[in-house]
Amino acid sequence: MRRALHPATAPALSAVRLIDRRTGRAHRINGTPLVLFTRNPAEAAAELLQGRDPRHWEARVDPILAGAAR
């Protein structure tokens, strides 16, 4: 049985983007920027960078503040 995490102990939500170092722009798929929303940004960044040349790509992590959508 899964238990709900108390908001104070839940990992923060983050947006992880794949950035082309040559242009400074986010990687796009069919014109839409690729963004992963996750509570484990290190894992998401590792997946995005897997098999890519680190000289050309970086993963950018932006925390999403709770209640910011209000």
N, C-alpha and C. Protein backbone atom coordinates (compact mmCIF):
# COMPACT_ATOMS: atom_id res chain seq x y z
N MET A 1 0.84 -1.17 0.00
CA MET A 1 0.00 0.00 0.00
C MET A 1 0.89 1.24 0.00
N ARG A 2 0.60 2.19 -0.90
CA ARG A 2 1.36 3.43 -0.98
C ARG A 2 0.78 4.45 -0.02
N ARG A 3 1.66 5.19 0.61
CA ARG A 3 1.23 6.25 1.51
C ARG A 3 1.45 7.59 0.84
N ALA A 4 0.55 8.50 1.07
CA ALA A 4 0.72 9.86 0.56
C ALA A 4 1.80 10.55 1.38
N LEU A 5 2.66 11.28 0.69
CA LEU A 5 3.71 12.02 1.38
C LEU A 5 3.15 13.34 1.88
N HIS A 6 3.59 13.71 3.04
CA HIS A 6 3.23 15.02 3.57
C HIS A 6 3.91 16.06 2.67
N PRO A 7 3.23 17.18 2.32
CA PRO A 7 3.83 18.17 1.43
C PRO A 7 5.21 18.66 1.87
N ALA A 8 5.46 18.72 3.15
CA ALA A 8 6.76 19.18 3.63
C ALA A 8 7.87 18.17 3.36
N THR A 9 7.53 16.88 3.21
CA THR A 9 8.54 15.86 2.99
C THR A 9 8.57 15.37 1.55
N ALA A 10 7.62 15.79 0.74
CA ALA A 10 7.60 15.37 -0.67
C ALA A 10 8.71 16.07 -1.44
N PRO A 11 9.36 15.36 -2.37
CA PRO A 11 10.39 16.00 -3.17
C PRO A 11 9.78 17.14 -4.01
N ALA A 12 10.55 18.18 -4.22
CA ALA A 12 10.08 19.32 -5.00
C ALA A 12 9.94 18.93 -6.47
N LEU A 13 8.98 19.51 -7.13
CA LEU A 13 8.77 19.27 -8.56
C LEU A 13 9.72 20.17 -9.34
N SER A 14 10.31 19.64 -10.39
CA SER A 14 11.24 20.40 -11.23
C SER A 14 10.91 20.20 -12.70
N ALA A 15 11.29 21.19 -13.50
CA ALA A 15 11.21 21.08 -14.96
C ALA A 15 12.64 20.90 -15.46
N VAL A 16 12.87 19.87 -16.26
CA VAL A 16 14.20 19.58 -16.79
C VAL A 16 14.15 19.73 -18.31
N ARG A 17 15.05 20.58 -18.83
CA ARG A 17 15.10 20.86 -20.27
C ARG A 17 16.46 20.45 -20.82
N LEU A 18 16.47 19.99 -22.07
CA LEU A 18 17.70 19.68 -22.78
C LEU A 18 18.08 20.92 -23.58
N ILE A 19 19.28 21.46 -23.33
CA ILE A 19 19.71 22.71 -23.94
C ILE A 19 20.89 22.46 -24.88
N ASP A 20 20.80 23.02 -26.07
CA ASP A 20 21.89 22.95 -27.04
C ASP A 20 22.89 24.05 -26.68
N ARG A 21 24.08 23.69 -26.27
CA ARG A 21 25.10 24.66 -25.86
C ARG A 21 25.51 25.59 -27.00
N ARG A 22 25.38 25.13 -28.24
CA ARG A 22 25.82 25.93 -29.38
C ARG A 22 24.88 27.10 -29.63
N THR A 23 23.60 26.92 -29.32
CA THR A 23 22.62 27.98 -29.58
C THR A 23 22.03 28.57 -28.30
N GLY A 24 22.12 27.81 -27.20
CA GLY A 24 21.51 28.25 -25.94
C GLY A 24 20.01 28.01 -25.90
N ARG A 25 19.48 27.33 -26.90
CA ARG A 25 18.04 27.08 -26.99
C ARG A 25 17.69 25.66 -26.59
N ALA A 26 16.45 25.50 -26.15
CA ALA A 26 15.95 24.18 -25.77
C ALA A 26 15.77 23.29 -26.99
N HIS A 27 16.03 22.00 -26.82
CA HIS A 27 15.79 21.02 -27.87
C HIS A 27 14.28 20.96 -28.12
N ARG A 28 13.88 20.87 -29.38
CA ARG A 28 12.46 20.86 -29.74
C ARG A 28 12.12 19.58 -30.50
N ILE A 29 10.91 19.13 -30.29
CA ILE A 29 10.36 18.00 -31.03
C ILE A 29 9.09 18.51 -31.69
N ASN A 30 9.07 18.49 -33.01
CA ASN A 30 7.94 19.02 -33.79
C ASN A 30 7.60 20.45 -33.36
N GLY A 31 8.63 21.24 -33.08
CA GLY A 31 8.44 22.64 -32.73
C GLY A 31 8.15 22.92 -31.27
N THR A 32 7.95 21.89 -30.47
CA THR A 32 7.63 22.06 -29.05
C THR A 32 8.86 21.76 -28.21
N PRO A 33 9.25 22.67 -27.30
CA PRO A 33 10.41 22.40 -26.44
C PRO A 33 10.19 21.15 -25.60
N LEU A 34 11.26 20.34 -25.50
CA LEU A 34 11.21 19.13 -24.70
C LEU A 34 11.41 19.50 -23.24
N VAL A 35 10.42 19.21 -22.40
CA VAL A 35 10.48 19.49 -20.97
C VAL A 35 9.98 18.27 -20.22
N LEU A 36 10.75 17.81 -19.24
CA LEU A 36 10.32 16.72 -18.37
C LEU A 36 9.99 17.30 -17.01
N PHE A 37 8.82 17.00 -16.50
CA PHE A 37 8.42 17.41 -15.15
C PHE A 37 8.64 16.21 -14.24
N THR A 38 9.43 16.42 -13.18
CA THR A 38 9.84 15.28 -12.36
C THR A 38 10.11 15.69 -10.92
N ARG A 39 10.11 14.71 -10.05
CA ARG A 39 10.53 14.92 -8.66
C ARG A 39 11.94 14.35 -8.46
N ASN A 40 12.54 13.83 -9.53
CA ASN A 40 13.91 13.32 -9.49
C ASN A 40 14.68 13.93 -10.66
N PRO A 41 15.11 15.18 -10.53
CA PRO A 41 15.76 15.86 -11.66
C PRO A 41 17.10 15.25 -12.07
N ALA A 42 17.85 14.68 -11.15
CA ALA A 42 19.13 14.08 -11.51
C ALA A 42 18.93 12.90 -12.46
N GLU A 43 17.93 12.08 -12.18
CA GLU A 43 17.64 10.94 -13.05
C GLU A 43 17.14 11.39 -14.41
N ALA A 44 16.25 12.39 -14.43
CA ALA A 44 15.72 12.90 -15.69
C ALA A 44 16.83 13.51 -16.54
N ALA A 45 17.73 14.27 -15.91
CA ALA A 45 18.84 14.87 -16.64
C ALA A 45 19.75 13.80 -17.23
N ALA A 46 20.04 12.77 -16.45
CA ALA A 46 20.89 11.67 -16.94
C ALA A 46 20.25 10.99 -18.15
N GLU A 47 18.95 10.79 -18.11
CA GLU A 47 18.26 10.15 -19.24
C GLU A 47 18.30 11.04 -20.48
N LEU A 48 18.10 12.34 -20.30
CA LEU A 48 18.13 13.25 -21.44
C LEU A 48 19.52 13.33 -22.08
N LEU A 49 20.56 13.24 -21.26
CA LEU A 49 21.92 13.37 -21.76
C LEU A 49 22.54 12.06 -22.23
N GLN A 50 21.86 10.95 -21.97
CA GLN A 50 22.39 9.64 -22.36
C GLN A 50 22.64 9.57 -23.86
N GLY A 51 23.87 9.24 -24.25
CA GLY A 51 24.22 9.08 -25.65
C GLY A 51 24.47 10.40 -26.37
N ARG A 52 24.45 11.52 -25.66
CA ARG A 52 24.68 12.83 -26.29
C ARG A 52 26.07 13.35 -25.92
N ASP A 53 26.64 14.13 -26.80
CA ASP A 53 27.95 14.72 -26.58
C ASP A 53 27.83 15.86 -25.56
N PRO A 54 28.47 15.74 -24.39
CA PRO A 54 28.35 16.77 -23.37
C PRO A 54 28.94 18.12 -23.78
N ARG A 55 29.75 18.13 -24.85
CA ARG A 55 30.25 19.41 -25.35
C ARG A 55 29.15 20.21 -26.02
N HIS A 56 28.10 19.52 -26.48
CA HIS A 56 27.03 20.18 -27.23
C HIS A 56 25.72 20.28 -26.47
N TRP A 57 25.57 19.48 -25.41
CA TRP A 57 24.28 19.43 -24.71
C TRP A 57 24.44 19.60 -23.21
N GLU A 58 23.46 20.22 -22.58
CA GLU A 58 23.39 20.30 -21.12
C GLU A 58 21.94 20.15 -20.70
N ALA A 59 21.74 19.71 -19.48
CA ALA A 59 20.40 19.61 -18.92
C ALA A 59 20.24 20.77 -17.95
N ARG A 60 19.16 21.50 -18.08
CA ARG A 60 18.88 22.63 -17.20
C ARG A 60 17.69 22.27 -16.32
N VAL A 61 17.87 22.43 -15.00
CA VAL A 61 16.84 22.09 -14.02
C VAL A 61 16.30 23.37 -13.41
N ASP A 62 14.98 23.54 -13.50
CA ASP A 62 14.30 24.69 -12.90
C ASP A 62 13.30 24.17 -11.89
N PRO A 63 13.49 24.50 -10.59
CA PRO A 63 12.50 24.08 -9.60
C PRO A 63 11.18 24.78 -9.83
N ILE A 64 10.10 24.08 -9.55
CA ILE A 64 8.76 24.65 -9.67
C ILE A 64 8.25 24.88 -8.26
N LEU A 65 7.99 26.13 -7.94
CA LEU A 65 7.56 26.46 -6.58
C LEU A 65 6.13 26.03 -6.35
N ALA A 66 5.87 25.45 -5.19
CA ALA A 66 4.51 25.05 -4.83
C ALA A 66 3.64 26.29 -4.71
N GLY A 67 2.45 26.24 -5.26
CA GLY A 67 1.53 27.34 -5.19
C GLY A 67 1.81 28.44 -6.21
N ALA A 68 2.78 28.26 -7.10
CA ALA A 68 3.12 29.30 -8.07
C ALA A 68 2.06 29.47 -9.14
N ALA A 69 1.21 28.47 -9.32
CA ALA A 69 0.20 28.54 -10.38
C ALA A 69 -1.04 29.31 -9.96
N ARG A 70 -1.07 29.77 -8.76
CA ARG A 70 -2.25 30.49 -8.26
C ARG A 70 -2.39 31.84 -8.87
